[in-house]
Amino acid sequence: MTSDYDGDPFEIEPIAPRALCLTVRDKVRGRRARQLAVRLETLAIEGTRRAVLDLRETSFLDSLGTAALEDALARGLRLHVVVRRSFSFDGPFTARSLTRQGLRLHHSLQEALDTVRDLSGSGLVLA
C-alpha cells in the first residue's frame, strides 16, 4: 500500500506487530529526506518499534536523509536498512556511525524481513 500521510511517497506494509516495511525509491535528499524524517518520527510516535527501510531502489542518501535515520534511532525506532551491495554511503552516514546506534544493514530484503519477524515474535527488545 502507498502511504498518503501528508502526501509522502513511501510504500508501507505491516510485517509484524509494531513492525513494518517502508519502501523508498529514487534519491533521498532535500524534500524527500524531510518527508522521510516526518514519516519515521510519526511511526515512532504511533508505536512502531521496528522498521525495515527498503532502499534497494534508492540511488542516493544525502546528509538530511542520514539525519532522518539518526533521529528515528534516537526516538527508539530500530531500523533494518536494505541496500544494494553497490550502494555508496556518503561521509555523514559513515561519520555518524549509525550501525553503533542500532541501525542494521542488510543486502537482502527477505533477510531483513525474517530478522524483524523473528525479533518481533520473540518479545526481545534488542538494539
C-alpha atoms as a PDB file:
ATOM      1  CA  MET A   1       0.000   0.000   0.000  1.00  0.00           C
ATOM      2  CA  THR A   2       1.199   3.520  -0.664  1.00  0.00           C
ATOM      3  CA  SER A   3       1.086   5.922   2.233  1.00  0.00           C
ATOM      4  CA  ASP A   4      -0.953   9.061   1.812  1.00  0.00           C
ATOM      5  CA  TYR A   5       0.241  10.563   5.074  1.00  0.00           C
ATOM      6  CA  ASP A   6       0.999  14.217   4.357  1.00  0.00           C
ATOM      7  CA  GLY A   7       1.488  13.255   0.729  1.00  0.00           C
ATOM      8  CA  ASP A   8       4.608  11.208   1.432  1.00  0.00           C
ATOM      9  CA  PRO A   9       5.682   8.957  -1.441  1.00  0.00           C
ATOM     10  CA  PHE A  10       6.527   5.845   0.566  1.00  0.00           C
ATOM     11  CA  GLU A  11       5.061   2.361   0.333  1.00  0.00           C
ATOM     12  CA  ILE A  12       4.317   0.927   3.759  1.00  0.00           C
ATOM     13  CA  GLU A  13       3.451  -2.686   4.579  1.00  0.00           C
ATOM     14  CA  PRO A  14       2.907  -4.112   8.062  1.00  0.00           C
ATOM     15  CA  ILE A  15       5.113  -7.179   8.651  1.00  0.00           C
ATOM     16  CA  ALA A  16       4.643  -7.985  12.357  1.00  0.00           C
ATOM     17  CA  PRO A  17       3.112  -6.387  15.438  1.00  0.00           C
ATOM     18  CA  ARG A  18       4.626  -2.899  15.795  1.00  0.00           C
ATOM     19  CA  ALA A  19       6.838  -3.525  12.762  1.00  0.00           C
ATOM     20  CA  LEU A  20       6.587  -2.530   9.112  1.00  0.00           C
ATOM     21  CA  CYS A  21       8.416  -2.274   5.832  1.00  0.00           C
ATOM     22  CA  LEU A  22       8.817   1.179   4.309  1.00  0.00           C
ATOM     23  CA  THR A  23       9.970   1.308   0.686  1.00  0.00           C
ATOM     24  CA  VAL A  24      11.777   4.371  -0.625  1.00  0.00           C
ATOM     25  CA  ARG A  25      12.587   4.930  -4.279  1.00  0.00           C
ATOM     26  CA  ASP A  26      14.806   7.412  -6.092  1.00  0.00           C
ATOM     27  CA  LYS A  27      17.133   9.820  -4.329  1.00  0.00           C
ATOM     28  CA  VAL A  28      16.655  10.693  -0.668  1.00  0.00           C
ATOM     29  CA  ARG A  29      17.666  14.314  -0.471  1.00  0.00           C
ATOM     30  CA  GLY A  30      16.049  17.653   0.238  1.00  0.00           C
ATOM     31  CA  ARG A  31      12.263  17.442   0.299  1.00  0.00           C
ATOM     32  CA  ARG A  32      12.141  13.643   0.159  1.00  0.00           C
ATOM     33  CA  ALA A  33      14.598  13.407   3.077  1.00  0.00           C
ATOM     34  CA  ARG A  34      12.397  15.762   5.116  1.00  0.00           C
ATOM     35  CA  GLN A  35       9.328  13.676   4.232  1.00  0.00           C
ATOM     36  CA  LEU A  36      11.180  10.564   5.382  1.00  0.00           C
ATOM     37  CA  ALA A  37      12.110  12.264   8.666  1.00  0.00           C
ATOM     38  CA  VAL A  38       8.475  13.223   9.327  1.00  0.00           C
ATOM     39  CA  ARG A  39       7.235   9.757   8.424  1.00  0.00           C
ATOM     40  CA  LEU A  40       9.765   7.963  10.648  1.00  0.00           C
ATOM     41  CA  GLU A  41       9.023  10.341  13.518  1.00  0.00           C
ATOM     42  CA  THR A  42       5.280   9.715  13.152  1.00  0.00           C
ATOM     43  CA  LEU A  43       5.763   5.961  13.052  1.00  0.00           C
ATOM     44  CA  ALA A  44       7.819   6.072  16.250  1.00  0.00           C
ATOM     45  CA  ILE A  45       5.204   8.228  17.989  1.00  0.00           C
ATOM     46  CA  GLU A  46       2.444   5.860  16.841  1.00  0.00           C
ATOM     47  CA  GLY A  47       4.209   2.908  18.453  1.00  0.00           C
ATOM     48  CA  THR A  48       6.166   1.286  15.642  1.00  0.00           C
ATOM     49  CA  ARG A  49       9.273  -0.269  17.174  1.00  0.00           C
ATOM     50  CA  ARG A  50      10.994  -1.825  14.166  1.00  0.00           C
ATOM     51  CA  ALA A  51      11.085  -0.791  10.528  1.00  0.00           C
ATOM     52  CA  VAL A  52      12.633  -2.387   7.507  1.00  0.00           C
ATOM     53  CA  LEU A  53      13.670   0.519   5.315  1.00  0.00           C
ATOM     54  CA  ASP A  54      13.945  -0.784   1.755  1.00  0.00           C
ATOM     55  CA  LEU A  55      16.430   1.426  -0.082  1.00  0.00           C
ATOM     56  CA  ARG A  56      17.242  -1.047  -2.866  1.00  0.00           C
ATOM     57  CA  GLU A  57      15.841   1.350  -5.484  1.00  0.00           C
ATOM     58  CA  THR A  58      17.446   4.393  -3.925  1.00  0.00           C
ATOM     59  CA  SER A  59      20.492   5.816  -5.642  1.00  0.00           C
ATOM     60  CA  PHE A  60      21.477   8.477  -3.117  1.00  0.00           C
ATOM     61  CA  LEU A  61      21.037   9.316   0.561  1.00  0.00           C
ATOM     62  CA  ASP A  62      22.190  12.823   1.486  1.00  0.00           C
ATOM     63  CA  SER A  63      23.050  14.251   4.901  1.00  0.00           C
ATOM     64  CA  LEU A  64      19.376  15.150   5.525  1.00  0.00           C
ATOM     65  CA  GLY A  65      18.457  11.526   4.833  1.00  0.00           C
ATOM     66  CA  THR A  66      21.166  10.373   7.209  1.00  0.00           C
ATOM     67  CA  ALA A  67      19.880  12.797   9.843  1.00  0.00           C
ATOM     68  CA  ALA A  68      16.361  11.349   9.378  1.00  0.00           C
ATOM     69  CA  LEU A  69      17.709   7.881  10.180  1.00  0.00           C
ATOM     70  CA  GLU A  70      19.673   9.159  13.163  1.00  0.00           C
ATOM     71  CA  ASP A  71      16.631  10.991  14.558  1.00  0.00           C
ATOM     72  CA  ALA A  72      14.486   7.871  14.164  1.00  0.00           C
ATOM     73  CA  LEU A  73      17.048   5.833  16.079  1.00  0.00           C
ATOM     74  CA  ALA A  74      17.106   8.464  18.827  1.00  0.00           C
ATOM     75  CA  ARG A  75      13.304   8.121  19.095  1.00  0.00           C
ATOM     76  CA  GLY A  76      13.666   4.395  19.736  1.00  0.00           C
ATOM     77  CA  LEU A  77      12.813   3.120  16.269  1.00  0.00           C
ATOM     78  CA  ARG A  78      15.017   0.162  15.365  1.00  0.00           C
ATOM     79  CA  LEU A  79      15.929   0.381  11.690  1.00  0.00           C
ATOM     80  CA  HIS A  80      16.847  -2.503   9.413  1.00  0.00           C
ATOM     81  CA  VAL A  81      18.068  -0.852   6.217  1.00  0.00           C
ATOM     82  CA  VAL A  82      18.238  -2.839   2.985  1.00  0.00           C
ATOM     83  CA  VAL A  83      20.616  -1.552   0.295  1.00  0.00           C
ATOM     84  CA  ARG A  84      22.217  -2.900  -2.866  1.00  0.00           C
ATOM     85  CA  ARG A  85      25.733  -4.178  -2.361  1.00  0.00           C
ATOM     86  CA  SER A  86      26.958  -1.392  -4.648  1.00  0.00           C
ATOM     87  CA  PHE A  87      25.252   1.353  -2.603  1.00  0.00           C
ATOM     88  CA  SER A  88      27.740   4.034  -1.602  1.00  0.00           C
ATOM     89  CA  PHE A  89      27.202   5.831   1.681  1.00  0.00           C
ATOM     90  CA  ASP A  90      28.264   9.440   1.977  1.00  0.00           C
ATOM     91  CA  GLY A  91      30.573  10.923   4.586  1.00  0.00           C
ATOM     92  CA  PRO A  92      27.858  11.960   7.092  1.00  0.00           C
ATOM     93  CA  PHE A  93      26.463   8.408   7.213  1.00  0.00           C
ATOM     94  CA  THR A  94      29.880   6.940   7.863  1.00  0.00           C
ATOM     95  CA  ALA A  95      30.871   9.671  10.328  1.00  0.00           C
ATOM     96  CA  ARG A  96      27.726   9.244  12.444  1.00  0.00           C
ATOM     97  CA  SER A  97      28.350   5.508  12.956  1.00  0.00           C
ATOM     98  CA  LEU A  98      24.640   4.712  12.748  1.00  0.00           C
ATOM     99  CA  THR A  99      25.303   0.984  12.996  1.00  0.00           C
ATOM    100  CA  ARG A 100      26.625   1.624  16.503  1.00  0.00           C
ATOM    101  CA  GLN A 101      23.369   3.410  17.323  1.00  0.00           C
ATOM    102  CA  GLY A 102      21.194   0.406  16.480  1.00  0.00           C
ATOM    103  CA  LEU A 103      20.824   0.551  12.699  1.00  0.00           C
ATOM    104  CA  ARG A 104      21.281  -2.805  10.991  1.00  0.00           C
ATOM    105  CA  LEU A 105      22.350  -3.076   7.354  1.00  0.00           C
ATOM    106  CA  HIS A 106      21.109  -5.885   5.110  1.00  0.00           C
ATOM    107  CA  HIS A 107      21.670  -6.713   1.446  1.00  0.00           C
ATOM    108  CA  SER A 108      18.597  -8.941   1.221  1.00  0.00           C
ATOM    109  CA  LEU A 109      15.036  -7.767   1.802  1.00  0.00           C
ATOM    110  CA  GLN A 110      13.988 -11.271   2.816  1.00  0.00           C
ATOM    111  CA  GLU A 111      16.780 -11.463   5.405  1.00  0.00           C
ATOM    112  CA  ALA A 112      15.708  -8.138   6.920  1.00  0.00           C
ATOM    113  CA  LEU A 113      12.027  -9.144   6.978  1.00  0.00           C
ATOM    114  CA  ASP A 114      12.831 -12.508   8.577  1.00  0.00           C
ATOM    115  CA  THR A 115      15.049 -10.856  11.185  1.00  0.00           C
ATOM    116  CA  VAL A 116      12.370  -8.352  12.157  1.00  0.00           C
ATOM    117  CA  ARG A 117       9.657 -11.003  12.256  1.00  0.00           C
ATOM    118  CA  ASP A 118      11.843 -13.226  14.443  1.00  0.00           C
ATOM    119  CA  LEU A 119      12.674 -10.385  16.820  1.00  0.00           C
ATOM    120  CA  SER A 120       9.066  -9.212  16.944  1.00  0.00           C
ATOM    121  CA  GLY A 121       7.854 -12.720  17.690  1.00  0.00           C
ATOM    122  CA  SER A 122      10.447 -13.353  20.375  1.00  0.00           C
ATOM    123  CA  GLY A 123       9.422 -10.437  22.561  1.00  0.00           C
ATOM    124  CA  LEU A 124      13.075  -9.402  22.816  1.00  0.00           C
ATOM    125  CA  VAL A 125      13.944  -5.741  22.657  1.00  0.00           C
ATOM    126  CA  LEU A 126      17.365  -5.573  21.071  1.00  0.00           C
ATOM    127  CA  ALA A 127      19.207  -2.547  19.818  1.00  0.00           C
END
